[in-house]
Every structure is written in structure tokens, then in C-alpha cells.
């Protein structure tokens, strides 16, 4: 039991940590909000890459669809940001059901490429094909159309931070539950040896499809949160060039772990924020750090922290 204390209370510890940071560095509140949203974004990619072993270069597409689902509702139909976020969540489920079935039948390399192609198609649709609705590269502004909700006016940045923290806690608890459930075990088993899982009688197609739906749902959900937070979206949110960013953040944090996405988001956005003050091409520093992580710390930040904690607690027990 001693070894699992952080694992059990991790969602609450990380939530309290974000609240403490907000009070210690109030001028960085928007940055901490972005970390929370980006963590949920990485969680989606982590299901594909960390649990199922599938590399996707199309995550910005699902992010963009979630953002535009919320944005189009707020710009033309309604005023309730909660409904907008719910629409982003539902759009991810629909995408997972529609694209998941054909995509997961492909080998990993083709899976990565077809998602990249989908990402390019998505940018074209939002930038050119639906320009009269989306306003193309000029973007879609809708903050003035949002109405306040009862108990908390999330149009205010400070209130949205608390709203995002609550959602972060709920999502992390559910994410941890999935990791510790039989479904999470099946995800990892499928990544290690799909043939053995088939031999045992499991429907590996269905397992991968469920994983794909969960991944697209979390990604689109984070896109909707982005839209409501900024009150603005444009096609650059779903560009192909952003696809590698979420993969790098997943690797840095620790792929296939519950809390890796949080540490990956914190490290990736933190490095980006610091380096951008000194040099324009922040990608050089992030790329170098990624190479070091891959060769020296393959488990990522959280994976190595967990390894050190486990070893520290096991050794005294052996001495006794």
C-alpha cells in the first residue's frame, strides 16, 4: 500500500499543485490553464501511442474538429459554453466511430500516414472549403456571444481556470481508472503481443476501436476547451506541423503512464515558453531534449520518477 499512495491520490495531488502554482504565480494563470488543456490533449494521444502502440500524425485534426464544433455553435447557434464543450466531446466520439473502424485495420505505418492525410484535408476544409462559415485564416471570433452559466462565469479567465481544474480532476480520475481496469490491461497486452491476445479469444479489433474512440474523444474535448478559453479558432490549430508536438510531449512525459501526460505538457510548454524568450527556433531545443530522453531516459519524466520512487521504497524493505 505504501508504494501506491501517489498513484491513488495522484489526481488530487496534481490538482492541488496547479492551484498552488496559480496563487504563487498569478500572472502565469493563462499558462497553467493551457497546461491543463494540453494535458487532456496528450492523454488522447497517449492512449494511441503509449497504450496501443499506434503512432498518429493526425491528432491536430481531431483537436480542430472539437474546437470548431464548439466555435460554430457559439458563433451561429447558441450561447451556452457548456453545450459547446459537450458538442466538442460528442464530435470526438462520432469521429472515433466513423474513422476508427477503417483506420485501425491498417498497419502502424499506414495508420500514421492516413491520419496525416486526414489532418491536411481538415485544414483545407476549415481554411478554404467552408471559408464563408469559418472565415478562413481570419478565424472565427465568438467570445462576445457567450453567456455566463450559473455558479461560475467561465468567460472570465480566472473562473475558467477553476473550471478547467475541476475538469482536469474528473478526467484524470477516470483516466487512472481506465489504466487500472481490465480495459487498460488489454490495451497494454495488445501493444505487447496482439497475436497472443487473439489466441486467448479476445476481439483485438474491438479493443483497438474502443481505444481509438477514447483517444479522439479526449482530443476533441481538449479542442473544445481551447475554443471556449480563447473565444477564437482558426485553421492553424489543426495544421500537420503540430502533429509531432503532441507525440514529443507524450514521449517526454512518459508514454503509457497515467501521469505522464501532465509532466509532458508541463515540460513541453514550459521549455517552449522559456526558450521562446531567447531564440525564435524553440524546436531545436525541444528536439535536442527529446533525443536525450529517448536515448537516456526512455521512460520519460514520470516513468523515471516512478522508477526511482519504487526503488527507494523497495531497498529499505530488503535491508529489514
C-alpha atoms as a PDB file:
ATOM      1  CA  UNK A   1       0.000   0.000   0.000  1.00  0.00           C
ATOM      2  CA  UNK A   2       2.867   2.362   0.800  1.00  0.00           C
ATOM      3  CA  UNK A   3       4.136   2.243  -2.746  1.00  0.00           C
ATOM      4  CA  UNK A   4       0.796   3.191  -4.299  1.00  0.00           C
ATOM      5  CA  UNK A   5      -0.022   6.319  -2.318  1.00  0.00           C
ATOM      6  CA  UNK A   6       0.827   8.798  -5.080  1.00  0.00           C
ATOM      7  CA  UNK A   7      -0.797   6.579  -7.656  1.00  0.00           C
ATOM      8  CA  UNK A   8      -4.039   6.572  -5.662  1.00  0.00           C
ATOM      9  CA  UNK A   9      -4.097  10.259  -4.747  1.00  0.00           C
ATOM     10  CA  UNK A  10      -2.252  11.485  -7.847  1.00  0.00           C
ATOM     11  CA  UNK A  11      -5.223  13.297  -9.447  1.00  0.00           C
ATOM     12  CA  UNK A  12      -5.856  15.239  -6.234  1.00  0.00           C
ATOM     13  CA  UNK A  13      -2.150  15.984  -5.678  1.00  0.00           C
ATOM     14  CA  UNK A  14      -1.712  17.333  -9.213  1.00  0.00           C
ATOM     15  CA  UNK A  15      -4.900  19.388  -8.912  1.00  0.00           C
ATOM     16  CA  UNK A  16      -3.755  20.941  -5.628  1.00  0.00           C
ATOM     17  CA  UNK A  17      -0.328  21.544  -7.191  1.00  0.00           C
ATOM     18  CA  UNK A  18      -1.916  23.544 -10.042  1.00  0.00           C
ATOM     19  CA  UNK A  19      -3.972  25.586  -7.570  1.00  0.00           C
ATOM     20  CA  UNK A  20      -0.848  26.385  -5.531  1.00  0.00           C
ATOM     21  CA  UNK A  21       1.011  27.460  -8.681  1.00  0.00           C
ATOM     22  CA  UNK A  22      -1.868  29.752  -9.607  1.00  0.00           C
ATOM     23  CA  UNK A  23      -1.595  31.591  -6.292  1.00  0.00           C
ATOM     24  CA  UNK A  24       2.217  31.666  -6.320  1.00  0.00           C
ATOM     25  CA  UNK A  25       2.398  32.945  -9.911  1.00  0.00           C
ATOM     26  CA  UNK A  26      -0.904  34.740 -10.622  1.00  0.00           C
ATOM     27  CA  UNK A  27       0.491  36.403 -13.761  1.00  0.00           C
ATOM     28  CA  UNK A  28       1.036  32.914 -15.262  1.00  0.00           C
ATOM     29  CA  UNK A  29      -2.568  31.795 -14.841  1.00  0.00           C
ATOM     30  CA  UNK A  30      -3.270  31.547 -18.601  1.00  0.00           C
ATOM     31  CA  UNK A  31      -0.149  29.407 -18.976  1.00  0.00           C
ATOM     32  CA  UNK A  32      -1.349  26.996 -16.275  1.00  0.00           C
ATOM     33  CA  UNK A  33      -4.765  26.808 -17.959  1.00  0.00           C
ATOM     34  CA  UNK A  34      -3.039  25.880 -21.201  1.00  0.00           C
ATOM     35  CA  UNK A  35      -1.095  23.146 -19.391  1.00  0.00           C
ATOM     36  CA  UNK A  36      -4.343  21.626 -18.115  1.00  0.00           C
ATOM     37  CA  UNK A  37      -5.942  21.624 -21.571  1.00  0.00           C
ATOM     38  CA  UNK A  38      -2.774  20.326 -23.228  1.00  0.00           C
ATOM     39  CA  UNK A  39      -2.578  17.512 -20.677  1.00  0.00           C
ATOM     40  CA  UNK A  40      -6.008  16.280 -21.764  1.00  0.00           C
ATOM     41  CA  UNK A  41      -4.847  16.565 -25.378  1.00  0.00           C
ATOM     42  CA  UNK A  42      -1.797  14.400 -24.628  1.00  0.00           C
ATOM     43  CA  UNK A  43      -3.969  11.880 -22.774  1.00  0.00           C
ATOM     44  CA  UNK A  44      -5.773  11.204 -26.045  1.00  0.00           C
ATOM     45  CA  UNK A  45      -2.540  10.659 -27.929  1.00  0.00           C
ATOM     46  CA  UNK A  46      -1.138   8.587 -25.060  1.00  0.00           C
ATOM     47  CA  UNK A  47      -3.938   6.039 -25.464  1.00  0.00           C
ATOM     48  CA  UNK A  48      -2.918   5.533 -29.088  1.00  0.00           C
ATOM     49  CA  UNK A  49       0.854   5.743 -28.732  1.00  0.00           C
ATOM     50  CA  UNK A  50       1.505   4.700 -25.136  1.00  0.00           C
ATOM     51  CA  UNK A  51      -1.131   2.002 -24.677  1.00  0.00           C
ATOM     52  CA  UNK A  52      -1.916   0.686 -28.165  1.00  0.00           C
ATOM     53  CA  UNK A  53       1.426   1.370 -29.836  1.00  0.00           C
ATOM     54  CA  UNK A  54      -0.126   3.361 -32.700  1.00  0.00           C
ATOM     55  CA  UNK A  55       1.603   6.498 -33.985  1.00  0.00           C
ATOM     56  CA  UNK A  56      -0.864   9.093 -35.275  1.00  0.00           C
ATOM     57  CA  UNK A  57       0.136  12.223 -37.184  1.00  0.00           C
ATOM     58  CA  UNK A  58      -3.482  13.327 -37.307  1.00  0.00           C
ATOM     59  CA  UNK A  59      -4.231  14.394 -33.738  1.00  0.00           C
ATOM     60  CA  UNK A  60      -4.445  18.094 -34.672  1.00  0.00           C
ATOM     61  CA  UNK A  61      -7.385  17.183 -36.937  1.00  0.00           C
ATOM     62  CA  UNK A  62      -9.391  15.779 -34.030  1.00  0.00           C
ATOM     63  CA  UNK A  63      -8.338  18.772 -31.922  1.00  0.00           C
ATOM     64  CA  UNK A  64      -9.526  21.135 -34.656  1.00  0.00           C
ATOM     65  CA  UNK A  65     -12.857  19.365 -35.125  1.00  0.00           C
ATOM     66  CA  UNK A  66     -13.563  19.636 -31.398  1.00  0.00           C
ATOM     67  CA  UNK A  67     -12.626  23.316 -31.433  1.00  0.00           C
ATOM     68  CA  UNK A  68     -14.744  24.125 -34.492  1.00  0.00           C
ATOM     69  CA  UNK A  69     -17.705  22.133 -33.167  1.00  0.00           C
ATOM     70  CA  UNK A  70     -17.732  24.385 -30.108  1.00  0.00           C
ATOM     71  CA  UNK A  71     -16.922  27.527 -32.102  1.00  0.00           C
ATOM     72  CA  UNK A  72     -19.601  27.084 -34.773  1.00  0.00           C
ATOM     73  CA  UNK A  73     -22.240  26.510 -32.113  1.00  0.00           C
ATOM     74  CA  UNK A  74     -21.233  29.638 -30.190  1.00  0.00           C
ATOM     75  CA  UNK A  75     -20.811  31.765 -33.322  1.00  0.00           C
ATOM     76  CA  UNK A  76     -24.072  30.894 -35.076  1.00  0.00           C
ATOM     77  CA  UNK A  77     -26.440  28.805 -32.957  1.00  0.00           C
ATOM     78  CA  UNK A  78     -26.317  29.173 -29.185  1.00  0.00           C
ATOM     79  CA  UNK A  79     -24.640  30.949 -26.303  1.00  0.00           C
ATOM     80  CA  UNK A  80     -24.042  28.295 -23.637  1.00  0.00           C
ATOM     81  CA  UNK A  81     -20.326  27.343 -23.385  1.00  0.00           C
ATOM     82  CA  UNK A  82     -21.172  24.083 -21.587  1.00  0.00           C
ATOM     83  CA  UNK A  83     -23.224  22.905 -24.558  1.00  0.00           C
ATOM     84  CA  UNK A  84     -20.367  23.952 -26.845  1.00  0.00           C
ATOM     85  CA  UNK A  85     -17.898  21.837 -24.859  1.00  0.00           C
ATOM     86  CA  UNK A  86     -20.348  18.924 -24.874  1.00  0.00           C
ATOM     87  CA  UNK A  87     -20.634  19.199 -28.668  1.00  0.00           C
ATOM     88  CA  UNK A  88     -16.850  19.033 -28.933  1.00  0.00           C
ATOM     89  CA  UNK A  89     -16.873  15.884 -26.818  1.00  0.00           C
ATOM     90  CA  UNK A  90     -19.629  14.288 -28.927  1.00  0.00           C
ATOM     91  CA  UNK A  91     -17.839  15.204 -32.169  1.00  0.00           C
ATOM     92  CA  UNK A  92     -14.813  13.228 -30.948  1.00  0.00           C
ATOM     93  CA  UNK A  93     -16.965  10.174 -30.249  1.00  0.00           C
ATOM     94  CA  UNK A  94     -18.524  10.414 -33.717  1.00  0.00           C
ATOM     95  CA  UNK A  95     -15.106  10.762 -35.365  1.00  0.00           C
ATOM     96  CA  UNK A  96     -13.835   7.762 -33.421  1.00  0.00           C
ATOM     97  CA  UNK A  97     -16.763   5.611 -34.504  1.00  0.00           C
ATOM     98  CA  UNK A  98     -16.630   6.702 -38.170  1.00  0.00           C
ATOM     99  CA  UNK A  99     -12.876   6.736 -38.788  1.00  0.00           C
ATOM    100  CA  UNK A 100     -11.830   4.211 -36.170  1.00  0.00           C
ATOM    101  CA  UNK A 101     -13.295   1.167 -37.889  1.00  0.00           C
ATOM    102  CA  UNK A 102     -11.367   1.533 -41.192  1.00  0.00           C
ATOM    103  CA  UNK A 103      -8.226   3.158 -39.758  1.00  0.00           C
ATOM    104  CA  UNK A 104      -7.334   0.570 -37.119  1.00  0.00           C
ATOM    105  CA  UNK A 105      -7.382  -2.178 -39.739  1.00  0.00           C
ATOM    106  CA  UNK A 106      -4.232  -0.634 -41.218  1.00  0.00           C
ATOM    107  CA  UNK A 107      -0.657  -1.421 -40.231  1.00  0.00           C
ATOM    108  CA  UNK A 108       1.037   1.131 -37.984  1.00  0.00           C
ATOM    109  CA  UNK A 109       2.883   2.971 -40.787  1.00  0.00           C
ATOM    110  CA  UNK A 110      -0.250   3.305 -42.916  1.00  0.00           C
ATOM    111  CA  UNK A 111      -2.238   4.279 -39.837  1.00  0.00           C
ATOM    112  CA  UNK A 112       0.160   7.168 -39.216  1.00  0.00           C
ATOM    113  CA  UNK A 113       0.083   8.319 -42.840  1.00  0.00           C
ATOM    114  CA  UNK A 114      -3.694   8.185 -43.311  1.00  0.00           C
ATOM    115  CA  UNK A 115      -4.162  10.258 -40.170  1.00  0.00           C
ATOM    116  CA  UNK A 116      -1.635  12.767 -41.517  1.00  0.00           C
ATOM    117  CA  UNK A 117      -3.617  12.934 -44.758  1.00  0.00           C
ATOM    118  CA  UNK A 118      -6.824  13.453 -42.778  1.00  0.00           C
ATOM    119  CA  UNK A 119      -5.117  16.298 -40.942  1.00  0.00           C
ATOM    120  CA  UNK A 120      -4.255  18.014 -44.259  1.00  0.00           C
ATOM    121  CA  UNK A 121      -7.815  17.525 -45.505  1.00  0.00           C
ATOM    122  CA  UNK A 122      -9.176  19.042 -42.304  1.00  0.00           C
ATOM    123  CA  UNK A 123      -7.087  22.209 -42.718  1.00  0.00           C
ATOM    124  CA  UNK A 124      -8.265  22.557 -46.326  1.00  0.00           C
ATOM    125  CA  UNK A 125     -11.911  22.148 -45.307  1.00  0.00           C
ATOM    126  CA  UNK A 126     -11.752  24.717 -42.493  1.00  0.00           C
ATOM    127  CA  UNK A 127      -9.486  27.129 -44.373  1.00  0.00           C
ATOM    128  CA  UNK A 128     -10.935  27.046 -47.911  1.00  0.00           C
ATOM    129  CA  UNK A 129     -13.984  24.847 -48.388  1.00  0.00           C
ATOM    130  CA  UNK A 130     -16.009  26.323 -45.500  1.00  0.00           C
ATOM    131  CA  UNK A 131     -14.465  29.786 -45.632  1.00  0.00           C
ATOM    132  CA  UNK A 132     -17.852  31.526 -45.636  1.00  0.00           C
ATOM    133  CA  UNK A 133     -18.651  29.877 -42.304  1.00  0.00           C
ATOM    134  CA  UNK A 134     -15.236  29.576 -40.654  1.00  0.00           C
ATOM    135  CA  UNK A 135     -13.818  32.877 -42.008  1.00  0.00           C
ATOM    136  CA  UNK A 136     -10.706  31.008 -43.180  1.00  0.00           C
ATOM    137  CA  UNK A 137      -7.360  32.225 -41.859  1.00  0.00           C
ATOM    138  CA  UNK A 138      -9.006  35.275 -40.309  1.00  0.00           C
ATOM    139  CA  UNK A 139     -10.514  32.923 -37.771  1.00  0.00           C
ATOM    140  CA  UNK A 140     -13.839  32.788 -36.009  1.00  0.00           C
ATOM    141  CA  UNK A 141     -14.454  35.115 -33.060  1.00  0.00           C
ATOM    142  CA  UNK A 142     -17.323  34.390 -30.700  1.00  0.00           C
ATOM    143  CA  UNK A 143     -16.421  35.444 -27.145  1.00  0.00           C
ATOM    144  CA  UNK A 144     -18.986  38.261 -27.143  1.00  0.00           C
ATOM    145  CA  UNK A 145     -21.755  35.737 -27.915  1.00  0.00           C
ATOM    146  CA  UNK A 146     -21.026  33.527 -24.911  1.00  0.00           C
ATOM    147  CA  UNK A 147     -23.348  33.831 -21.929  1.00  0.00           C
ATOM    148  CA  UNK A 148     -22.438  33.166 -18.335  1.00  0.00           C
ATOM    149  CA  UNK A 149     -23.501  29.921 -16.694  1.00  0.00           C
ATOM    150  CA  UNK A 150     -24.916  29.507 -13.215  1.00  0.00           C
ATOM    151  CA  UNK A 151     -22.427  29.458 -10.305  1.00  0.00           C
ATOM    152  CA  UNK A 152     -19.397  30.303 -12.478  1.00  0.00           C
ATOM    153  CA  UNK A 153     -18.906  32.780 -15.310  1.00  0.00           C
ATOM    154  CA  UNK A 154     -16.254  30.940 -17.324  1.00  0.00           C
ATOM    155  CA  UNK A 155     -15.934  33.853 -19.733  1.00  0.00           C
ATOM    156  CA  UNK A 156     -13.572  35.332 -17.154  1.00  0.00           C
ATOM    157  CA  UNK A 157     -10.040  33.818 -17.395  1.00  0.00           C
ATOM    158  CA  UNK A 158      -9.740  33.347 -13.624  1.00  0.00           C
ATOM    159  CA  UNK A 159     -13.058  31.495 -13.457  1.00  0.00           C
ATOM    160  CA  UNK A 160     -12.213  29.393 -16.493  1.00  0.00           C
ATOM    161  CA  UNK A 161      -9.026  28.292 -14.735  1.00  0.00           C
ATOM    162  CA  UNK A 162     -11.030  26.864 -11.825  1.00  0.00           C
ATOM    163  CA  UNK A 163     -13.462  25.292 -14.279  1.00  0.00           C
ATOM    164  CA  UNK A 164     -10.556  23.678 -16.155  1.00  0.00           C
ATOM    165  CA  UNK A 165      -9.046  22.430 -12.875  1.00  0.00           C
ATOM    166  CA  UNK A 166     -12.325  20.701 -11.964  1.00  0.00           C
ATOM    167  CA  UNK A 167     -12.498  19.048 -15.380  1.00  0.00           C
ATOM    168  CA  UNK A 168      -8.838  18.065 -15.101  1.00  0.00           C
ATOM    169  CA  UNK A 169      -9.507  16.328 -11.783  1.00  0.00           C
ATOM    170  CA  UNK A 170     -12.516  14.435 -13.175  1.00  0.00           C
ATOM    171  CA  UNK A 171     -10.735  13.390 -16.380  1.00  0.00           C
ATOM    172  CA  UNK A 172      -7.583  12.295 -14.528  1.00  0.00           C
ATOM    173  CA  UNK A 173      -9.588  10.164 -12.084  1.00  0.00           C
ATOM    174  CA  UNK A 174     -11.395   8.473 -14.994  1.00  0.00           C
ATOM    175  CA  UNK A 175      -8.107   8.096 -16.892  1.00  0.00           C
ATOM    176  CA  UNK A 176      -6.485   6.417 -13.895  1.00  0.00           C
ATOM    177  CA  UNK A 177      -9.486   4.120 -13.529  1.00  0.00           C
ATOM    178  CA  UNK A 178      -9.179   3.070 -17.191  1.00  0.00           C
ATOM    179  CA  UNK A 179      -5.460   2.413 -16.719  1.00  0.00           C
ATOM    180  CA  UNK A 180      -6.127   0.145 -13.731  1.00  0.00           C
ATOM    181  CA  UNK A 181      -9.148  -1.576 -15.289  1.00  0.00           C
ATOM    182  CA  UNK A 182      -9.184  -4.712 -17.397  1.00  0.00           C
ATOM    183  CA  UNK A 183      -9.534  -2.467 -20.464  1.00  0.00           C
ATOM    184  CA  UNK A 184      -6.222  -0.773 -19.686  1.00  0.00           C
ATOM    185  CA  UNK A 185      -4.601  -4.175 -19.227  1.00  0.00           C
ATOM    186  CA  UNK A 186      -5.963  -5.286 -22.596  1.00  0.00           C
ATOM    187  CA  UNK A 187      -4.582  -2.131 -24.220  1.00  0.00           C
ATOM    188  CA  UNK A 188      -1.082  -2.885 -22.924  1.00  0.00           C
ATOM    189  CA  UNK A 189      -1.350  -6.580 -23.782  1.00  0.00           C
ATOM    190  CA  UNK A 190      -2.390  -5.717 -27.332  1.00  0.00           C
ATOM    191  CA  UNK A 191       0.603  -3.432 -27.727  1.00  0.00           C
ATOM    192  CA  UNK A 192       2.999  -6.127 -26.468  1.00  0.00           C
ATOM    193  CA  UNK A 193       1.607  -9.063 -28.456  1.00  0.00           C
ATOM    194  CA  UNK A 194      -1.605  -8.804 -30.443  1.00  0.00           C
ATOM    195  CA  UNK A 195      -1.359 -12.384 -31.745  1.00  0.00           C
ATOM    196  CA  UNK A 196      -1.310 -13.860 -28.233  1.00  0.00           C
ATOM    197  CA  UNK A 197      -4.332 -11.796 -27.299  1.00  0.00           C
ATOM    198  CA  UNK A 198      -6.186 -13.146 -30.342  1.00  0.00           C
ATOM    199  CA  UNK A 199      -5.156 -16.668 -29.382  1.00  0.00           C
ATOM    200  CA  UNK A 200      -6.735 -16.148 -25.961  1.00  0.00           C
ATOM    201  CA  UNK A 201     -10.015 -15.342 -27.673  1.00  0.00           C
ATOM    202  CA  UNK A 202     -10.133 -11.556 -27.331  1.00  0.00           C
ATOM    203  CA  UNK A 203     -11.546  -9.339 -30.089  1.00  0.00           C
ATOM    204  CA  UNK A 204      -8.481  -7.179 -30.732  1.00  0.00           C
ATOM    205  CA  UNK A 205     -10.315  -5.148 -33.381  1.00  0.00           C
ATOM    206  CA  UNK A 206     -12.920  -4.065 -30.838  1.00  0.00           C
ATOM    207  CA  UNK A 207     -10.250  -3.260 -28.240  1.00  0.00           C
ATOM    208  CA  UNK A 208      -8.389  -1.025 -30.698  1.00  0.00           C
ATOM    209  CA  UNK A 209     -11.624   0.593 -31.824  1.00  0.00           C
ATOM    210  CA  UNK A 210     -12.572   1.454 -28.242  1.00  0.00           C
ATOM    211  CA  UNK A 211      -9.098   2.884 -27.703  1.00  0.00           C
ATOM    212  CA  UNK A 212      -9.381   4.973 -30.874  1.00  0.00           C
ATOM    213  CA  UNK A 213     -12.771   6.340 -29.796  1.00  0.00           C
ATOM    214  CA  UNK A 214     -11.424   7.267 -26.345  1.00  0.00           C
ATOM    215  CA  UNK A 215      -8.404   8.963 -27.939  1.00  0.00           C
ATOM    216  CA  UNK A 216     -10.440  11.018 -30.416  1.00  0.00           C
ATOM    217  CA  UNK A 217     -12.963  11.899 -27.684  1.00  0.00           C
ATOM    218  CA  UNK A 218     -10.291  13.273 -25.329  1.00  0.00           C
ATOM    219  CA  UNK A 219      -8.566  15.141 -28.156  1.00  0.00           C
ATOM    220  CA  UNK A 220     -11.761  16.783 -29.419  1.00  0.00           C
ATOM    221  CA  UNK A 221     -12.743  17.576 -25.836  1.00  0.00           C
ATOM    222  CA  UNK A 222      -9.488  19.460 -25.350  1.00  0.00           C
ATOM    223  CA  UNK A 223     -10.107  21.276 -28.645  1.00  0.00           C
ATOM    224  CA  UNK A 224     -13.498  22.466 -27.386  1.00  0.00           C
ATOM    225  CA  UNK A 225     -11.850  23.704 -24.184  1.00  0.00           C
ATOM    226  CA  UNK A 226      -9.294  25.606 -26.268  1.00  0.00           C
ATOM    227  CA  UNK A 227     -12.097  27.259 -28.233  1.00  0.00           C
ATOM    228  CA  UNK A 228     -14.074  28.343 -25.164  1.00  0.00           C
ATOM    229  CA  UNK A 229     -10.946  29.508 -23.353  1.00  0.00           C
ATOM    230  CA  UNK A 230      -9.676  31.750 -26.162  1.00  0.00           C
ATOM    231  CA  UNK A 231     -13.030  32.665 -27.727  1.00  0.00           C
ATOM    232  CA  UNK A 232     -11.381  32.254 -31.107  1.00  0.00           C
ATOM    233  CA  UNK A 233     -10.333  29.491 -33.513  1.00  0.00           C
ATOM    234  CA  UNK A 234      -8.586  29.347 -36.871  1.00  0.00           C
ATOM    235  CA  UNK A 235      -7.331  26.537 -39.157  1.00  0.00           C
ATOM    236  CA  UNK A 236      -3.747  26.709 -37.813  1.00  0.00           C
ATOM    237  CA  UNK A 237      -4.942  24.718 -34.793  1.00  0.00           C
ATOM    238  CA  UNK A 238      -5.150  21.597 -36.981  1.00  0.00           C
ATOM    239  CA  UNK A 239      -2.012  22.005 -39.107  1.00  0.00           C
ATOM    240  CA  UNK A 240       0.157  18.960 -39.855  1.00  0.00           C
ATOM    241  CA  UNK A 241       3.203  20.694 -38.376  1.00  0.00           C
ATOM    242  CA  UNK A 242       1.589  20.465 -34.935  1.00  0.00           C
ATOM    243  CA  UNK A 243       1.233  16.684 -35.123  1.00  0.00           C
ATOM    244  CA  UNK A 244       4.768  15.952 -33.964  1.00  0.00           C
ATOM    245  CA  UNK A 245       4.422  18.294 -30.960  1.00  0.00           C
ATOM    246  CA  UNK A 246       1.914  16.112 -29.110  1.00  0.00           C
ATOM    247  CA  UNK A 247       3.982  12.986 -29.819  1.00  0.00           C
ATOM    248  CA  UNK A 248       7.121  14.659 -28.453  1.00  0.00           C
ATOM    249  CA  UNK A 249       5.244  15.822 -25.343  1.00  0.00           C
ATOM    250  CA  UNK A 250       3.905  12.287 -24.836  1.00  0.00           C
ATOM    251  CA  UNK A 251       7.411  10.804 -25.024  1.00  0.00           C
ATOM    252  CA  UNK A 252       8.947  13.434 -22.726  1.00  0.00           C
ATOM    253  CA  UNK A 253       6.283  12.897 -20.056  1.00  0.00           C
ATOM    254  CA  UNK A 254       6.326   9.113 -20.220  1.00  0.00           C
ATOM    255  CA  UNK A 255       4.218   7.196 -22.714  1.00  0.00           C
ATOM    256  CA  UNK A 256       1.824   4.546 -21.460  1.00  0.00           C
ATOM    257  CA  UNK A 257       1.587   6.052 -17.965  1.00  0.00           C
ATOM    258  CA  UNK A 258      -1.289   7.768 -16.149  1.00  0.00           C
ATOM    259  CA  UNK A 259       0.522  10.921 -15.084  1.00  0.00           C
ATOM    260  CA  UNK A 260       2.996  11.128 -17.976  1.00  0.00           C
ATOM    261  CA  UNK A 261       0.694  13.453 -19.979  1.00  0.00           C
ATOM    262  CA  UNK A 262       0.728  16.050 -17.183  1.00  0.00           C
ATOM    263  CA  UNK A 263       4.521  16.057 -16.875  1.00  0.00           C
ATOM    264  CA  UNK A 264       4.854  16.024 -20.655  1.00  0.00           C
ATOM    265  CA  UNK A 265       2.568  19.046 -21.039  1.00  0.00           C
ATOM    266  CA  UNK A 266       4.321  20.898 -18.223  1.00  0.00           C
ATOM    267  CA  UNK A 267       7.796  20.189 -19.616  1.00  0.00           C
ATOM    268  CA  UNK A 268       6.968  20.788 -23.281  1.00  0.00           C
ATOM    269  CA  UNK A 269       5.050  24.037 -22.805  1.00  0.00           C
ATOM    270  CA  UNK A 270       7.460  25.187 -20.096  1.00  0.00           C
ATOM    271  CA  UNK A 271      10.511  24.676 -22.313  1.00  0.00           C
ATOM    272  CA  UNK A 272       8.717  26.318 -25.223  1.00  0.00           C
ATOM    273  CA  UNK A 273       7.739  29.320 -23.086  1.00  0.00           C
ATOM    274  CA  UNK A 274      11.259  29.819 -21.696  1.00  0.00           C
ATOM    275  CA  UNK A 275      13.206  29.207 -24.904  1.00  0.00           C
ATOM    276  CA  UNK A 276      10.944  31.491 -26.988  1.00  0.00           C
ATOM    277  CA  UNK A 277      12.198  34.428 -24.918  1.00  0.00           C
ATOM    278  CA  UNK A 278      15.753  33.862 -26.128  1.00  0.00           C
ATOM    279  CA  UNK A 279      15.618  32.240 -29.561  1.00  0.00           C
ATOM    280  CA  UNK A 280      12.988  32.053 -32.305  1.00  0.00           C
ATOM    281  CA  UNK A 281      13.515  28.392 -33.222  1.00  0.00           C
ATOM    282  CA  UNK A 282      12.492  26.765 -29.961  1.00  0.00           C
ATOM    283  CA  UNK A 283      12.056  23.464 -31.838  1.00  0.00           C
ATOM    284  CA  UNK A 284      15.855  22.993 -31.809  1.00  0.00           C
ATOM    285  CA  UNK A 285      15.985  22.857 -28.006  1.00  0.00           C
ATOM    286  CA  UNK A 286      12.883  20.675 -27.700  1.00  0.00           C
ATOM    287  CA  UNK A 287      14.246  18.303 -30.365  1.00  0.00           C
ATOM    288  CA  UNK A 288      17.565  18.003 -28.545  1.00  0.00           C
ATOM    289  CA  UNK A 289      15.839  17.269 -25.240  1.00  0.00           C
ATOM    290  CA  UNK A 290      13.651  14.663 -26.950  1.00  0.00           C
ATOM    291  CA  UNK A 291      16.708  12.860 -28.325  1.00  0.00           C
ATOM    292  CA  UNK A 292      18.283  12.819 -24.856  1.00  0.00           C
ATOM    293  CA  UNK A 293      15.068  11.466 -23.332  1.00  0.00           C
ATOM    294  CA  UNK A 294      14.767   8.743 -25.965  1.00  0.00           C
ATOM    295  CA  UNK A 295      18.351   7.552 -25.519  1.00  0.00           C
ATOM    296  CA  UNK A 296      18.969   8.146 -21.817  1.00  0.00           C
ATOM    297  CA  UNK A 297      15.551   8.333 -20.132  1.00  0.00           C
ATOM    298  CA  UNK A 298      13.319   6.179 -22.312  1.00  0.00           C
ATOM    299  CA  UNK A 299      10.588   6.011 -19.654  1.00  0.00           C
ATOM    300  CA  UNK A 300      10.061   9.773 -19.772  1.00  0.00           C
ATOM    301  CA  UNK A 301       9.893  12.163 -16.821  1.00  0.00           C
ATOM    302  CA  UNK A 302       7.152  10.432 -14.854  1.00  0.00           C
ATOM    303  CA  UNK A 303       8.350   6.945 -15.765  1.00  0.00           C
ATOM    304  CA  UNK A 304      11.798   7.648 -14.339  1.00  0.00           C
ATOM    305  CA  UNK A 305      10.433   9.413 -11.250  1.00  0.00           C
ATOM    306  CA  UNK A 306       8.207   6.419 -10.560  1.00  0.00           C
ATOM    307  CA  UNK A 307      11.145   4.050 -11.085  1.00  0.00           C
ATOM    308  CA  UNK A 308      13.292   5.976  -8.578  1.00  0.00           C
ATOM    309  CA  UNK A 309      10.477   6.113  -6.011  1.00  0.00           C
ATOM    310  CA  UNK A 310       9.793   2.388  -6.319  1.00  0.00           C
ATOM    311  CA  UNK A 311      13.485   1.516  -5.952  1.00  0.00           C
ATOM    312  CA  UNK A 312      13.878   3.825  -2.967  1.00  0.00           C
ATOM    313  CA  UNK A 313      10.995   2.122  -1.155  1.00  0.00           C
ATOM    314  CA  UNK A 314      11.988  -1.409  -2.075  1.00  0.00           C
ATOM    315  CA  UNK A 315      15.625  -1.210  -0.923  1.00  0.00           C
ATOM    316  CA  UNK A 316      14.933  -0.298   2.751  1.00  0.00           C
ATOM    317  CA  UNK A 317      12.406  -3.127   2.860  1.00  0.00           C
ATOM    318  CA  UNK A 318      15.083  -5.578   1.695  1.00  0.00           C
ATOM    319  CA  UNK A 319      17.541  -4.348   4.347  1.00  0.00           C
ATOM    320  CA  UNK A 320      14.999  -5.110   7.070  1.00  0.00           C
END
